Amino acid sequence: MIRHVVSWKLAAEDTATKAEQSAQIAAALQTLPPVIPEIQSLTVASNSVDVEGNWDVVLIADYADEAALRTYIDHPEHQKVAGFIRGLVAQRSNVDFAL
């Protein structure tokens, strides 16, 4: 099993805009499991503790194997959501690891 963890630091600086954009990102990502069967589990969360250096949004998703993860990454619906997210973020980090 492969766990896919992505964190985003939003470009917005004010709290209200960050909260709105975090909700938009979560809603967009939650549309993917019904159309991409390779997603075994998907959790999206917003940072809830105001600590210097924390990032704003995290995605944690599980896939059967690397091939399933790559199918997700290349899927047209994921590409559409990723394009939307890219327009809101200043930075992105990613780690994929075997469970």
PDB file of N, CA and C in Angstrom:
ATOM      1  N   MET A   1       0.842  -1.172   0.000  1.00  0.00           N
ATOM      2  CA  MET A   1       0.000   0.000   0.000  1.00  0.00           C
ATOM      3  C   MET A   1       0.892   1.242   0.000  1.00  0.00           C
ATOM      4  N   ILE A   2       0.469   2.268  -0.740  1.00  0.00           N
ATOM      5  CA  ILE A   2       1.205   3.535  -0.817  1.00  0.00           C
ATOM      6  C   ILE A   2       0.366   4.637  -0.185  1.00  0.00           C
ATOM      7  N   ARG A   3       0.967   5.381   0.713  1.00  0.00           N
ATOM      8  CA  ARG A   3       0.320   6.560   1.297  1.00  0.00           C
ATOM      9  C   ARG A   3       0.885   7.789   0.600  1.00  0.00           C
ATOM     10  N   HIS A   4      -0.021   8.651   0.155  1.00  0.00           N
ATOM     11  CA  HIS A   4       0.295   9.873  -0.592  1.00  0.00           C
ATOM     12  C   HIS A   4      -0.074  11.046   0.307  1.00  0.00           C
ATOM     13  N   VAL A   5       0.926  11.843   0.689  1.00  0.00           N
ATOM     14  CA  VAL A   5       0.700  12.977   1.590  1.00  0.00           C
ATOM     15  C   VAL A   5       1.145  14.246   0.876  1.00  0.00           C
ATOM     16  N   VAL A   6       0.223  15.183   0.753  1.00  0.00           N
ATOM     17  CA  VAL A   6       0.511  16.454   0.093  1.00  0.00           C
ATOM     18  C   VAL A   6       0.114  17.578   1.044  1.00  0.00           C
ATOM     19  N   SER A   7       0.987  18.568   1.188  1.00  0.00           N
ATOM     20  CA  SER A   7       0.677  19.753   1.984  1.00  0.00           C
ATOM     21  C   SER A   7       0.783  20.984   1.107  1.00  0.00           C
ATOM     22  N   TRP A   8      -0.094  21.938   1.379  1.00  0.00           N
ATOM     23  CA  TRP A   8      -0.071  23.191   0.633  1.00  0.00           C
ATOM     24  C   TRP A   8       0.001  24.370   1.576  1.00  0.00           C
ATOM     25  N   LYS A   9       0.786  25.359   1.175  1.00  0.00           N
ATOM     26  CA  LYS A   9       0.789  26.658   1.830  1.00  0.00           C
ATOM     27  C   LYS A   9       0.067  27.589   0.867  1.00  0.00           C
ATOM     28  N   LEU A  10      -1.057  28.128   1.316  1.00  0.00           N
ATOM     29  CA  LEU A  10      -1.863  28.977   0.459  1.00  0.00           C
ATOM     30  C   LEU A  10      -1.187  30.322   0.211  1.00  0.00           C
ATOM     31  N   ALA A  11      -1.468  30.906  -0.931  1.00  0.00           N
ATOM     32  CA  ALA A  11      -0.908  32.214  -1.271  1.00  0.00           C
ATOM     33  C   ALA A  11      -1.597  33.325  -0.488  1.00  0.00           C
ATOM     34  N   ALA A  12      -2.872  33.149  -0.164  1.00  0.00           N
ATOM     35  CA  ALA A  12      -3.616  34.159   0.596  1.00  0.00           C
ATOM     36  C   ALA A  12      -2.964  34.365   1.961  1.00  0.00           C
ATOM     37  N   GLU A  13      -3.089  35.565   2.470  1.00  0.00           N
ATOM     38  CA  GLU A  13      -2.468  35.846   3.757  1.00  0.00           C
ATOM     39  C   GLU A  13      -3.472  36.063   4.875  1.00  0.00           C
ATOM     40  N   ASP A  14      -4.702  36.450   4.539  1.00  0.00           N
ATOM     41  CA  ASP A  14      -5.668  36.703   5.611  1.00  0.00           C
ATOM     42  C   ASP A  14      -6.415  35.418   5.976  1.00  0.00           C
ATOM     43  N   THR A  15      -6.791  35.323   7.226  1.00  0.00           N
ATOM     44  CA  THR A  15      -7.388  34.118   7.779  1.00  0.00           C
ATOM     45  C   THR A  15      -8.693  33.739   7.090  1.00  0.00           C
ATOM     46  N   ALA A  16      -9.546  34.701   6.822  1.00  0.00           N
ATOM     47  CA  ALA A  16     -10.849  34.402   6.214  1.00  0.00           C
ATOM     48  C   ALA A  16     -10.682  33.819   4.813  1.00  0.00           C
ATOM     49  N   THR A  17      -9.799  34.392   4.022  1.00  0.00           N
ATOM     50  CA  THR A  17      -9.570  33.887   2.672  1.00  0.00           C
ATOM     51  C   THR A  17      -8.957  32.498   2.725  1.00  0.00           C
ATOM     52  N   LYS A  18      -8.017  32.289   3.628  1.00  0.00           N
ATOM     53  CA  LYS A  18      -7.404  30.959   3.775  1.00  0.00           C
ATOM     54  C   LYS A  18      -8.463  29.920   4.140  1.00  0.00           C
ATOM     55  N   ALA A  19      -9.358  30.268   5.043  1.00  0.00           N
ATOM     56  CA  ALA A  19     -10.403  29.327   5.450  1.00  0.00           C
ATOM     57  C   ALA A  19     -11.315  28.994   4.269  1.00  0.00           C
ATOM     58  N   GLU A  20     -11.701  30.006   3.504  1.00  0.00           N
ATOM     59  CA  GLU A  20     -12.557  29.787   2.342  1.00  0.00           C
ATOM     60  C   GLU A  20     -11.863  28.925   1.294  1.00  0.00           C
ATOM     61  N   GLN A  21     -10.605  29.235   1.007  1.00  0.00           N
ATOM     62  CA  GLN A  21      -9.865  28.479   0.006  1.00  0.00           C
ATOM     63  C   GLN A  21      -9.577  27.049   0.475  1.00  0.00           C
ATOM     64  N   SER A  22      -9.309  26.872   1.748  1.00  0.00           N
ATOM     65  CA  SER A  22      -9.105  25.523   2.290  1.00  0.00           C
ATOM     66  C   SER A  22     -10.359  24.682   2.100  1.00  0.00           C
ATOM     67  N   ALA A  23     -11.513  25.269   2.354  1.00  0.00           N
ATOM     68  CA  ALA A  23     -12.782  24.561   2.163  1.00  0.00           C
ATOM     69  C   ALA A  23     -13.009  24.235   0.692  1.00  0.00           C
ATOM     70  N   GLN A  24     -12.657  25.140  -0.195  1.00  0.00           N
ATOM     71  CA  GLN A  24     -12.798  24.899  -1.629  1.00  0.00           C
ATOM     72  C   GLN A  24     -11.894  23.753  -2.080  1.00  0.00           C
ATOM     73  N   ILE A  25     -10.673  23.731  -1.583  1.00  0.00           N
ATOM     74  CA  ILE A  25      -9.732  22.656  -1.924  1.00  0.00           C
ATOM     75  C   ILE A  25     -10.266  21.320  -1.424  1.00  0.00           C
ATOM     76  N   ALA A  26     -10.727  21.291  -0.176  1.00  0.00           N
ATOM     77  CA  ALA A  26     -11.268  20.049   0.379  1.00  0.00           C
ATOM     78  C   ALA A  26     -12.463  19.559  -0.438  1.00  0.00           C
ATOM     79  N   ALA A  27     -13.361  20.468  -0.779  1.00  0.00           N
ATOM     80  CA  ALA A  27     -14.547  20.088  -1.559  1.00  0.00           C
ATOM     81  C   ALA A  27     -14.146  19.537  -2.925  1.00  0.00           C
ATOM     82  N   ALA A  28     -13.188  20.171  -3.568  1.00  0.00           N
ATOM     83  CA  ALA A  28     -12.740  19.711  -4.887  1.00  0.00           C
ATOM     84  C   ALA A  28     -12.117  18.325  -4.798  1.00  0.00           C
ATOM     85  N   LEU A  29     -11.269  18.110  -3.805  1.00  0.00           N
ATOM     86  CA  LEU A  29     -10.619  16.800  -3.662  1.00  0.00           C
ATOM     87  C   LEU A  29     -11.615  15.707  -3.304  1.00  0.00           C
ATOM     88  N   GLN A  30     -12.652  16.036  -2.538  1.00  0.00           N
ATOM     89  CA  GLN A  30     -13.646  15.035  -2.141  1.00  0.00           C
ATOM     90  C   GLN A  30     -14.488  14.559  -3.321  1.00  0.00           C
ATOM     91  N   THR A  31     -14.449  15.274  -4.441  1.00  0.00           N
ATOM     92  CA  THR A  31     -15.178  14.818  -5.625  1.00  0.00           C
ATOM     93  C   THR A  31     -14.464  13.657  -6.324  1.00  0.00           C
ATOM     94  N   LEU A  32     -13.196  13.420  -5.980  1.00  0.00           N
ATOM     95  CA  LEU A  32     -12.400  12.444  -6.727  1.00  0.00           C
ATOM     96  C   LEU A  32     -12.653  10.970  -6.388  1.00  0.00           C
ATOM     97  N   PRO A  33     -12.834  10.576  -5.132  1.00  0.00           N
ATOM     98  CA  PRO A  33     -13.020   9.139  -4.864  1.00  0.00           C
ATOM     99  C   PRO A  33     -14.155   8.479  -5.654  1.00  0.00           C
ATOM    100  N   PRO A  34     -15.288   9.129  -5.873  1.00  0.00           N
ATOM    101  CA  PRO A  34     -16.340   8.451  -6.648  1.00  0.00           C
ATOM    102  C   PRO A  34     -15.973   8.217  -8.123  1.00  0.00           C
ATOM    103  N   VAL A  35     -15.033   8.994  -8.660  1.00  0.00           N
ATOM    104  CA  VAL A  35     -14.696   8.855 -10.084  1.00  0.00           C
ATOM    105  C   VAL A  35     -13.340   8.201 -10.335  1.00  0.00           C
ATOM    106  N   ILE A  36     -12.547   8.032  -9.272  1.00  0.00           N
ATOM    107  CA  ILE A  36     -11.229   7.400  -9.410  1.00  0.00           C
ATOM    108  C   ILE A  36     -11.183   6.224  -8.430  1.00  0.00           C
ATOM    109  N   PRO A  37     -11.530   5.034  -8.888  1.00  0.00           N
ATOM    110  CA  PRO A  37     -11.643   3.887  -7.976  1.00  0.00           C
ATOM    111  C   PRO A  37     -10.330   3.473  -7.323  1.00  0.00           C
ATOM    112  N   GLU A  38      -9.213   3.915  -7.843  1.00  0.00           N
ATOM    113  CA  GLU A  38      -7.907   3.559  -7.245  1.00  0.00           C
ATOM    114  C   GLU A  38      -7.707   4.210  -5.877  1.00  0.00           C
ATOM    115  N   ILE A  39      -8.472   5.240  -5.565  1.00  0.00           N
ATOM    116  CA  ILE A  39      -8.363   5.898  -4.254  1.00  0.00           C
ATOM    117  C   ILE A  39      -9.027   4.997  -3.225  1.00  0.00           C
ATOM    118  N   GLN A  40      -8.234   4.443  -2.315  1.00  0.00           N
ATOM    119  CA  GLN A  40      -8.785   3.576  -1.270  1.00  0.00           C
ATOM    120  C   GLN A  40      -9.292   4.375  -0.079  1.00  0.00           C
ATOM    121  N   SER A  41      -8.608   5.465   0.234  1.00  0.00           N
ATOM    122  CA  SER A  41      -9.066   6.372   1.282  1.00  0.00           C
ATOM    123  C   SER A  41      -8.498   7.745   0.988  1.00  0.00           C
ATOM    124  N   LEU A  42      -9.233   8.773   1.405  1.00  0.00           N
ATOM    125  CA  LEU A  42      -8.795  10.142   1.147  1.00  0.00           C
ATOM    126  C   LEU A  42      -9.292  11.021   2.286  1.00  0.00           C
ATOM    127  N   THR A  43      -8.357  11.746   2.898  1.00  0.00           N
ATOM    128  CA  THR A  43      -8.675  12.687   3.964  1.00  0.00           C
ATOM    129  C   THR A  43      -8.043  14.026   3.611  1.00  0.00           C
ATOM    130  N   VAL A  44      -8.812  15.085   3.758  1.00  0.00           N
ATOM    131  CA  VAL A  44      -8.305  16.443   3.559  1.00  0.00           C
ATOM    132  C   VAL A  44      -8.595  17.213   4.839  1.00  0.00           C
ATOM    133  N   ALA A  45      -7.605  17.954   5.333  1.00  0.00           N
ATOM    134  CA  ALA A  45      -7.798  18.720   6.560  1.00  0.00           C
ATOM    135  C   ALA A  45      -7.088  20.058   6.454  1.00  0.00           C
ATOM    136  N   SER A  46      -7.634  21.033   7.166  1.00  0.00           N
ATOM    137  CA  SER A  46      -7.025  22.358   7.257  1.00  0.00           C
ATOM    138  C   SER A  46      -6.277  22.471   8.570  1.00  0.00           C
ATOM    139  N   ASN A  47      -5.216  23.240   8.568  1.00  0.00           N
ATOM    140  CA  ASN A  47      -4.456  23.479   9.783  1.00  0.00           C
ATOM    141  C   ASN A  47      -5.379  24.096  10.834  1.00  0.00           C
ATOM    142  N   SER A  48      -5.322  23.584  12.052  1.00  0.00           N
ATOM    143  CA  SER A  48      -6.193  24.108  13.100  1.00  0.00           C
ATOM    144  C   SER A  48      -5.431  24.680  14.289  1.00  0.00           C
ATOM    145  N   VAL A  49      -4.115  24.679  14.219  1.00  0.00           N
ATOM    146  CA  VAL A  49      -3.307  25.227  15.297  1.00  0.00           C
ATOM    147  C   VAL A  49      -2.401  26.299  14.702  1.00  0.00           C
ATOM    148  N   ASP A  50      -2.511  27.497  15.216  1.00  0.00           N
ATOM    149  CA  ASP A  50      -1.743  28.620  14.683  1.00  0.00           C
ATOM    150  C   ASP A  50      -0.329  28.608  15.259  1.00  0.00           C
ATOM    151  N   VAL A  51       0.540  27.856  14.579  1.00  0.00           N
ATOM    152  CA  VAL A  51       1.948  27.753  14.968  1.00  0.00           C
ATOM    153  C   VAL A  51       2.776  28.241  13.794  1.00  0.00           C
ATOM    154  N   GLU A  52       3.755  29.071  14.077  1.00  0.00           N
ATOM    155  CA  GLU A  52       4.634  29.600  13.040  1.00  0.00           C
ATOM    156  C   GLU A  52       5.204  28.472  12.199  1.00  0.00           C
ATOM    157  N   GLY A  53       5.079  28.599  10.894  1.00  0.00           N
ATOM    158  CA  GLY A  53       5.637  27.618   9.975  1.00  0.00           C
ATOM    159  C   GLY A  53       4.687  26.514   9.554  1.00  0.00           C
ATOM    160  N   ASN A  54       3.532  26.386  10.229  1.00  0.00           N
ATOM    161  CA  ASN A  54       2.577  25.359   9.805  1.00  0.00           C
ATOM    162  C   ASN A  54       2.051  25.670   8.409  1.00  0.00           C
ATOM    163  N   TRP A  55       1.759  24.611   7.647  1.00  0.00           N
ATOM    164  CA  TRP A  55       1.155  24.764   6.330  1.00  0.00           C
ATOM    165  C   TRP A  55      -0.349  24.769   6.496  1.00  0.00           C
ATOM    166  N   ASP A  56      -1.079  25.078   5.431  1.00  0.00           N
ATOM    167  CA  ASP A  56      -2.502  25.366   5.555  1.00  0.00           C
ATOM    168  C   ASP A  56      -3.436  24.182   5.319  1.00  0.00           C
ATOM    169  N   VAL A  57      -3.105  23.317   4.381  1.00  0.00           N
ATOM    170  CA  VAL A  57      -3.995  22.214   3.999  1.00  0.00           C
ATOM    171  C   VAL A  57      -3.158  20.960   3.770  1.00  0.00           C
ATOM    172  N   VAL A  58      -3.727  19.805   4.145  1.00  0.00           N
ATOM    173  CA  VAL A  58      -3.049  18.534   3.914  1.00  0.00           C
ATOM    174  C   VAL A  58      -4.022  17.531   3.295  1.00  0.00           C
ATOM    175  N   LEU A  59      -3.496  16.717   2.400  1.00  0.00           N
ATOM    176  CA  LEU A  59      -4.213  15.591   1.809  1.00  0.00           C
ATOM    177  C   LEU A  59      -3.459  14.325   2.202  1.00  0.00           C
ATOM    178  N   ILE A  60      -4.199  13.331   2.694  1.00  0.00           N
ATOM    179  CA  ILE A  60      -3.617  12.023   2.986  1.00  0.00           C
ATOM    180  C   ILE A  60      -4.494  11.004   2.275  1.00  0.00           C
ATOM    181  N   ALA A  61      -3.892  10.249   1.356  1.00  0.00           N
ATOM    182  CA  ALA A  61      -4.658   9.276   0.572  1.00  0.00           C
ATOM    183  C   ALA A  61      -3.868   7.984   0.437  1.00  0.00           C
ATOM    184  N   ASP A  62      -4.601   6.885   0.351  1.00  0.00           N
ATOM    185  CA  ASP A  62      -3.979   5.567   0.240  1.00  0.00           C
ATOM    186  C   ASP A  62      -4.371   4.899  -1.074  1.00  0.00           C
ATOM    187  N   TYR A  63      -3.404   4.161  -1.635  1.00  0.00           N
ATOM    188  CA  TYR A  63      -3.554   3.457  -2.912  1.00  0.00           C
ATOM    189  C   TYR A  63      -2.966   2.064  -2.753  1.00  0.00           C
ATOM    190  N   ALA A  64      -3.478   1.109  -3.503  1.00  0.00           N
ATOM    191  CA  ALA A  64      -3.017  -0.278  -3.394  1.00  0.00           C
ATOM    192  C   ALA A  64      -1.530  -0.409  -3.689  1.00  0.00           C
ATOM    193  N   ASP A  65      -1.060   0.351  -4.683  1.00  0.00           N
ATOM    194  CA  ASP A  65       0.341   0.244  -5.096  1.00  0.00           C
ATOM    195  C   ASP A  65       0.716   1.492  -5.902  1.00  0.00           C
ATOM    196  N   GLU A  66       1.948   1.520  -6.341  1.00  0.00           N
ATOM    197  CA  GLU A  66       2.435   2.676  -7.097  1.00  0.00           C
ATOM    198  C   GLU A  66       1.675   2.866  -8.407  1.00  0.00           C
ATOM    199  N   ALA A  67       1.293   1.781  -9.052  1.00  0.00           N
ATOM    200  CA  ALA A  67       0.534   1.881 -10.304  1.00  0.00           C
ATOM    201  C   ALA A  67      -0.813   2.573 -10.060  1.00  0.00           C
ATOM    202  N   ALA A  68      -1.464   2.250  -8.965  1.00  0.00           N
ATOM    203  CA  ALA A  68      -2.746   2.894  -8.636  1.00  0.00           C
ATOM    204  C   ALA A  68      -2.546   4.377  -8.356  1.00  0.00           C
ATOM    205  N   LEU A  69      -1.467   4.722  -7.656  1.00  0.00           N
ATOM    206  CA  LEU A  69      -1.161   6.134  -7.404  1.00  0.00           C
ATOM    207  C   LEU A  69      -0.933   6.874  -8.719  1.00  0.00           C
ATOM    208  N   ARG A  70      -0.179   6.273  -9.614  1.00  0.00           N
ATOM    209  CA  ARG A  70       0.087   6.925 -10.909  1.00  0.00           C
ATOM    210  C   ARG A  70      -1.192   7.070 -11.739  1.00  0.00           C
ATOM    211  N   THR A  71      -2.086   6.099 -11.645  1.00  0.00           N
ATOM    212  CA  THR A  71      -3.371   6.211 -12.339  1.00  0.00           C
ATOM    213  C   THR A  71      -4.138   7.415 -11.801  1.00  0.00           C
ATOM    214  N   TYR A  72      -4.156   7.581 -10.485  1.00  0.00           N
ATOM    215  CA  TYR A  72      -4.791   8.745  -9.854  1.00  0.00           C
ATOM    216  C   TYR A  72      -4.159  10.043 -10.339  1.00  0.00           C
ATOM    217  N   ILE A  73      -2.838  10.110 -10.299  1.00  0.00           N
ATOM    218  CA  ILE A  73      -2.127  11.338 -10.676  1.00  0.00           C
ATOM    219  C   ILE A  73      -2.453  11.729 -12.118  1.00  0.00           C
ATOM    220  N   ASP A  74      -2.505  10.759 -13.004  1.00  0.00           N
ATOM    221  CA  ASP A  74      -2.730  11.034 -14.422  1.00  0.00           C
ATOM    222  C   ASP A  74      -4.204  11.180 -14.806  1.00  0.00           C
ATOM    223  N   HIS A  75      -5.107  10.840 -13.916  1.00  0.00           N
ATOM    224  CA  HIS A  75      -6.536  10.874 -14.231  1.00  0.00           C
ATOM    225  C   HIS A  75      -6.973  12.311 -14.579  1.00  0.00           C
ATOM    226  N   PRO A  76      -7.748  12.490 -15.638  1.00  0.00           N
ATOM    227  CA  PRO A  76      -8.173  13.839 -16.061  1.00  0.00           C
ATOM    228  C   PRO A  76      -8.910  14.626 -14.975  1.00  0.00           C
ATOM    229  N   GLU A  77      -9.711  13.955 -14.155  1.00  0.00           N
ATOM    230  CA  GLU A  77     -10.416  14.682 -13.085  1.00  0.00           C
ATOM    231  C   GLU A  77      -9.441  15.164 -12.024  1.00  0.00           C
ATOM    232  N   HIS A  78      -8.430  14.342 -11.718  1.00  0.00           N
ATOM    233  CA  HIS A  78      -7.397  14.798 -10.773  1.00  0.00           C
ATOM    234  C   HIS A  78      -6.634  15.968 -11.364  1.00  0.00           C
ATOM    235  N   GLN A  79      -6.305  15.889 -12.632  1.00  0.00           N
ATOM    236  CA  GLN A  79      -5.571  16.977 -13.282  1.00  0.00           C
ATOM    237  C   GLN A  79      -6.364  18.283 -13.216  1.00  0.00           C
ATOM    238  N   LYS A  80      -7.676  18.204 -13.387  1.00  0.00           N
ATOM    239  CA  LYS A  80      -8.523  19.395 -13.307  1.00  0.00           C
ATOM    240  C   LYS A  80      -8.493  19.992 -11.896  1.00  0.00           C
ATOM    241  N   VAL A  81      -8.637  19.145 -10.877  1.00  0.00           N
ATOM    242  CA  VAL A  81      -8.606  19.612  -9.493  1.00  0.00           C
ATOM    243  C   VAL A  81      -7.220  20.161  -9.152  1.00  0.00           C
ATOM    244  N   ALA A  82      -6.179  19.484  -9.586  1.00  0.00           N
ATOM    245  CA  ALA A  82      -4.810  19.947  -9.316  1.00  0.00           C
ATOM    246  C   ALA A  82      -4.571  21.323  -9.930  1.00  0.00           C
ATOM    247  N   GLY A  83      -5.087  21.558 -11.127  1.00  0.00           N
ATOM    248  CA  GLY A  83      -4.954  22.873 -11.756  1.00  0.00           C
ATOM    249  C   GLY A  83      -5.641  23.956 -10.950  1.00  0.00           C
ATOM    250  N   PHE A  84      -6.821  23.653 -10.428  1.00  0.00           N
ATOM    251  CA  PHE A  84      -7.538  24.601  -9.573  1.00  0.00           C
ATOM    252  C   PHE A  84      -6.717  24.918  -8.329  1.00  0.00           C
ATOM    253  N   ILE A  85      -6.182  23.877  -7.685  1.00  0.00           N
ATOM    254  CA  ILE A  85      -5.407  24.062  -6.452  1.00  0.00           C
ATOM    255  C   ILE A  85      -4.148  24.878  -6.727  1.00  0.00           C
ATOM    256  N   ARG A  86      -3.468  24.597  -7.832  1.00  0.00           N
ATOM    257  CA  ARG A  86      -2.243  25.341  -8.163  1.00  0.00           C
ATOM    258  C   ARG A  86      -2.496  26.850  -8.203  1.00  0.00           C
ATOM    259  N   GLY A  87      -3.687  27.252  -8.593  1.00  0.00           N
ATOM    260  CA  GLY A  87      -4.019  28.666  -8.649  1.00  0.00           C
ATOM    261  C   GLY A  87      -4.170  29.330  -7.293  1.00  0.00           C
ATOM    262  N   LEU A  88      -4.235  28.541  -6.228  1.00  0.00           N
ATOM    263  CA  LEU A  88      -4.450  29.082  -4.881  1.00  0.00           C
ATOM    264  C   LEU A  88      -3.231  28.999  -3.978  1.00  0.00           C
ATOM    265  N   VAL A  89      -2.231  28.234  -4.380  1.00  0.00           N
ATOM    266  CA  VAL A  89      -1.144  27.939  -3.446  1.00  0.00           C
ATOM    267  C   VAL A  89       0.163  28.651  -3.809  1.00  0.00           C
ATOM    268  N   ALA A  90       0.948  28.879  -2.759  1.00  0.00           N
ATOM    269  CA  ALA A  90       2.283  29.444  -2.930  1.00  0.00           C
ATOM    270  C   ALA A  90       3.332  28.338  -2.962  1.00  0.00           C
ATOM    271  N   GLN A  91       3.089  27.261  -2.187  1.00  0.00           N
ATOM    272  CA  GLN A  91       4.044  26.162  -2.110  1.00  0.00           C
ATOM    273  C   GLN A  91       3.300  24.844  -1.942  1.00  0.00           C
ATOM    274  N   ARG A  92       3.961  23.778  -2.378  1.00  0.00           N
ATOM    275  CA  ARG A  92       3.415  22.425  -2.269  1.00  0.00           C
ATOM    276  C   ARG A  92       4.541  21.493  -1.851  1.00  0.00           C
ATOM    277  N   SER A  93       4.238  20.575  -0.972  1.00  0.00           N
ATOM    278  CA  SER A  93       5.187  19.514  -0.647  1.00  0.00           C
ATOM    279  C   SER A  93       4.468  18.174  -0.747  1.00  0.00           C
ATOM    280  N   ASN A  94       5.228  17.124  -0.989  1.00  0.00           N
ATOM    281  CA  ASN A  94       4.644  15.804  -1.224  1.00  0.00           C
ATOM    282  C   ASN A  94       5.592  14.721  -0.736  1.00  0.00           C
ATOM    283  N   VAL A  95       5.013  13.699  -0.111  1.00  0.00           N
ATOM    284  CA  VAL A  95       5.761  12.505   0.246  1.00  0.00           C
ATOM    285  C   VAL A  95       4.864  11.306  -0.051  1.00  0.00           C
ATOM    286  N   ASP A  96       5.433  10.303  -0.719  1.00  0.00           N
ATOM    287  CA  ASP A  96       4.748   9.036  -0.973  1.00  0.00           C
ATOM    288  C   ASP A  96       5.586   7.946  -0.330  1.00  0.00           C
ATOM    289  N   PHE A  97       4.925   7.071   0.456  1.00  0.00           N
ATOM    290  CA  PHE A  97       5.695   6.027   1.115  1.00  0.00           C
ATOM    291  C   PHE A  97       4.873   4.756   1.245  1.00  0.00           C
ATOM    292  N   ALA A  98       5.578   3.645   1.350  1.00  0.00           N
ATOM    293  CA  ALA A  98       4.941   2.337   1.483  1.00  0.00           C
ATOM    294  C   ALA A  98       4.525   2.114   2.935  1.00  0.00           C
ATOM    295  N   LEU A  99       3.342   1.547   3.097  1.00  0.00           N
ATOM    296  CA  LEU A  99       2.865   1.195   4.443  1.00  0.00           C
ATOM    297  C   LEU A  99       3.178  -0.261   4.732  1.00  0.00           C
TER     298      LEU A  99
END
